[in-house]
């Protein structure tokens, strides 16, 4: 079992967001959406937690698992959502440093998440007074 760690912040200022509009392998994306919905999570929350961990080197994907989506010729769907801009830019930079495209890394993660035994762990980081 792998735990994806995230945080829920209460009563915080809104963060700047970035829009993402990527073509993703339809079969993988559809399976991912079903899996996330069954777990009761929001799609963008799961992806944002992954992005943060990937950028920080805490979640690794094999390069061959990412590159297999480069020219897979499969039908695509559009992932269109917003994320915390700072997290997204770090993630995008981490992908670029590894010579990978964002859409391929996201698709590889979705495939891995759907086929794995993952739990999203929230930590409430509000301070008690």
Protein backbone atom coordinates (compact mmCIF):
# COMPACT_ATOMS: atom_id res chain seq x y z
CA UNK A 1 0.00 0.00 0.00
CA UNK A 2 1.28 3.46 -0.88
CA UNK A 3 0.00 6.53 0.90
CA UNK A 4 -0.20 9.80 -0.95
CA UNK A 5 0.09 12.56 1.61
CA UNK A 6 -1.76 15.82 1.25
CA UNK A 7 -3.04 18.61 3.42
CA UNK A 8 -6.38 20.21 4.01
CA UNK A 9 -6.03 23.80 5.07
CA UNK A 10 -8.90 25.60 6.73
CA UNK A 11 -9.41 29.35 6.74
CA UNK A 12 -6.46 30.13 4.50
CA UNK A 13 -6.10 32.69 1.76
CA UNK A 14 -6.92 31.54 -1.75
CA UNK A 15 -3.91 30.44 -3.74
CA UNK A 16 -3.21 31.41 -7.31
CA UNK A 17 -4.32 28.68 -9.69
CA UNK A 18 -3.15 27.52 -13.09
CA UNK A 19 -5.41 25.98 -15.70
CA UNK A 20 -4.38 22.69 -17.26
CA UNK A 21 -5.81 21.49 -20.54
CA UNK A 22 -4.12 18.24 -21.64
CA UNK A 23 -5.01 15.40 -23.97
CA UNK A 24 -4.89 12.15 -21.99
CA UNK A 25 -5.33 8.53 -23.08
CA UNK A 26 -9.12 8.10 -22.85
CA UNK A 27 -9.11 4.53 -21.53
CA UNK A 28 -6.66 5.35 -18.74
CA UNK A 29 -8.39 8.65 -17.90
CA UNK A 30 -11.86 7.06 -17.74
CA UNK A 31 -10.62 4.27 -15.44
CA UNK A 32 -8.88 6.85 -13.24
CA UNK A 33 -12.00 9.01 -12.94
CA UNK A 34 -14.07 5.97 -11.90
CA UNK A 35 -11.46 4.89 -9.34
CA UNK A 36 -11.21 8.38 -7.81
CA UNK A 37 -14.99 8.76 -7.69
CA UNK A 38 -15.39 5.37 -5.96
CA UNK A 39 -12.90 6.49 -3.34
CA UNK A 40 -14.85 9.71 -2.80
CA UNK A 41 -12.07 12.10 -3.79
CA UNK A 42 -11.92 15.01 -6.18
CA UNK A 43 -9.86 14.43 -9.28
CA UNK A 44 -7.84 17.63 -8.96
CA UNK A 45 -6.97 16.86 -5.32
CA UNK A 46 -5.47 13.47 -6.21
CA UNK A 47 -3.54 14.95 -9.12
CA UNK A 48 -2.31 17.94 -7.11
CA UNK A 49 -1.00 15.71 -4.32
CA UNK A 50 0.75 13.55 -6.92
CA UNK A 51 2.26 16.62 -8.62
CA UNK A 52 3.64 17.88 -5.34
CA UNK A 53 5.17 14.52 -4.45
CA UNK A 54 6.58 13.99 -7.95
CA UNK A 55 8.17 17.45 -7.92
CA UNK A 56 9.66 16.76 -4.48
CA UNK A 57 11.04 13.37 -5.58
CA UNK A 58 8.71 11.45 -3.24
CA UNK A 59 6.77 9.70 -6.00
CA UNK A 60 8.72 8.08 -8.80
CA UNK A 61 7.57 6.63 -12.08
CA UNK A 62 9.70 4.48 -14.35
CA UNK A 63 10.65 6.36 -17.50
CA UNK A 64 9.48 3.48 -19.69
CA UNK A 65 6.05 3.60 -18.01
CA UNK A 66 5.81 7.29 -18.92
CA UNK A 67 7.20 7.05 -22.44
CA UNK A 68 4.82 4.27 -23.50
CA UNK A 69 2.13 6.97 -23.73
CA UNK A 70 4.22 9.16 -26.05
CA UNK A 71 2.88 7.70 -29.28
CA UNK A 72 0.27 5.20 -28.14
CA UNK A 73 -2.20 6.20 -30.88
CA UNK A 74 -5.16 5.66 -28.57
CA UNK A 75 -8.28 7.78 -28.35
CA UNK A 76 -7.85 10.78 -26.05
CA UNK A 77 -9.97 12.77 -23.62
CA UNK A 78 -9.22 16.24 -22.37
CA UNK A 79 -8.15 16.79 -18.78
CA UNK A 80 -9.33 20.32 -18.10
CA UNK A 81 -8.99 21.53 -14.52
CA UNK A 82 -7.15 23.98 -12.29
CA UNK A 83 -4.40 23.41 -9.76
CA UNK A 84 -2.39 25.37 -7.25
CA UNK A 85 -0.12 27.34 -9.60
CA UNK A 86 3.01 26.97 -7.48
CA UNK A 87 2.61 23.18 -7.27
CA UNK A 88 1.83 22.90 -10.98
CA UNK A 89 4.88 24.96 -11.99
CA UNK A 90 7.17 22.83 -9.78
CA UNK A 91 5.66 19.68 -11.28
CA UNK A 92 6.03 21.00 -14.83
CA UNK A 93 9.66 21.89 -14.12
CA UNK A 94 10.34 18.42 -12.67
CA UNK A 95 8.88 16.81 -15.79
CA UNK A 96 11.00 19.02 -18.03
CA UNK A 97 14.18 18.26 -16.06
CA UNK A 98 13.52 14.56 -16.65
CA UNK A 99 12.89 15.17 -20.36
CA UNK A 100 9.23 14.18 -20.06
CA UNK A 101 5.95 15.80 -21.07
CA UNK A 102 3.37 16.66 -18.41
CA UNK A 103 0.58 14.77 -20.19
CA UNK A 104 2.62 11.56 -20.37
CA UNK A 105 3.62 11.73 -16.70
CA UNK A 106 0.01 12.38 -15.67
CA UNK A 107 -1.23 9.47 -17.80
CA UNK A 108 1.39 7.12 -16.35
CA UNK A 109 0.40 8.18 -12.83
CA UNK A 110 -3.29 7.66 -13.58
CA UNK A 111 -2.58 4.16 -14.85
CA UNK A 112 -0.46 3.33 -11.82
CA UNK A 113 -2.98 4.81 -9.37
CA UNK A 114 -5.89 2.90 -10.91
CA UNK A 115 -4.04 -0.41 -10.87
CA UNK A 116 -2.45 0.07 -7.44
CA UNK A 117 -3.58 0.12 -3.87
CA UNK A 118 -3.31 3.81 -3.05
CA UNK A 119 -4.79 5.79 -0.20
CA UNK A 120 -4.88 9.56 -0.12
CA UNK A 121 -3.91 10.71 3.36
CA UNK A 122 -5.10 14.11 4.46
CA UNK A 123 -3.57 15.97 7.35
CA UNK A 124 -5.44 18.89 8.83
CA UNK A 125 -2.79 21.54 9.29
CA UNK A 126 -4.90 24.13 11.04
CA UNK A 127 -3.52 25.49 14.24
CA UNK A 128 -5.48 25.14 17.43
CA UNK A 129 -5.55 28.22 19.59
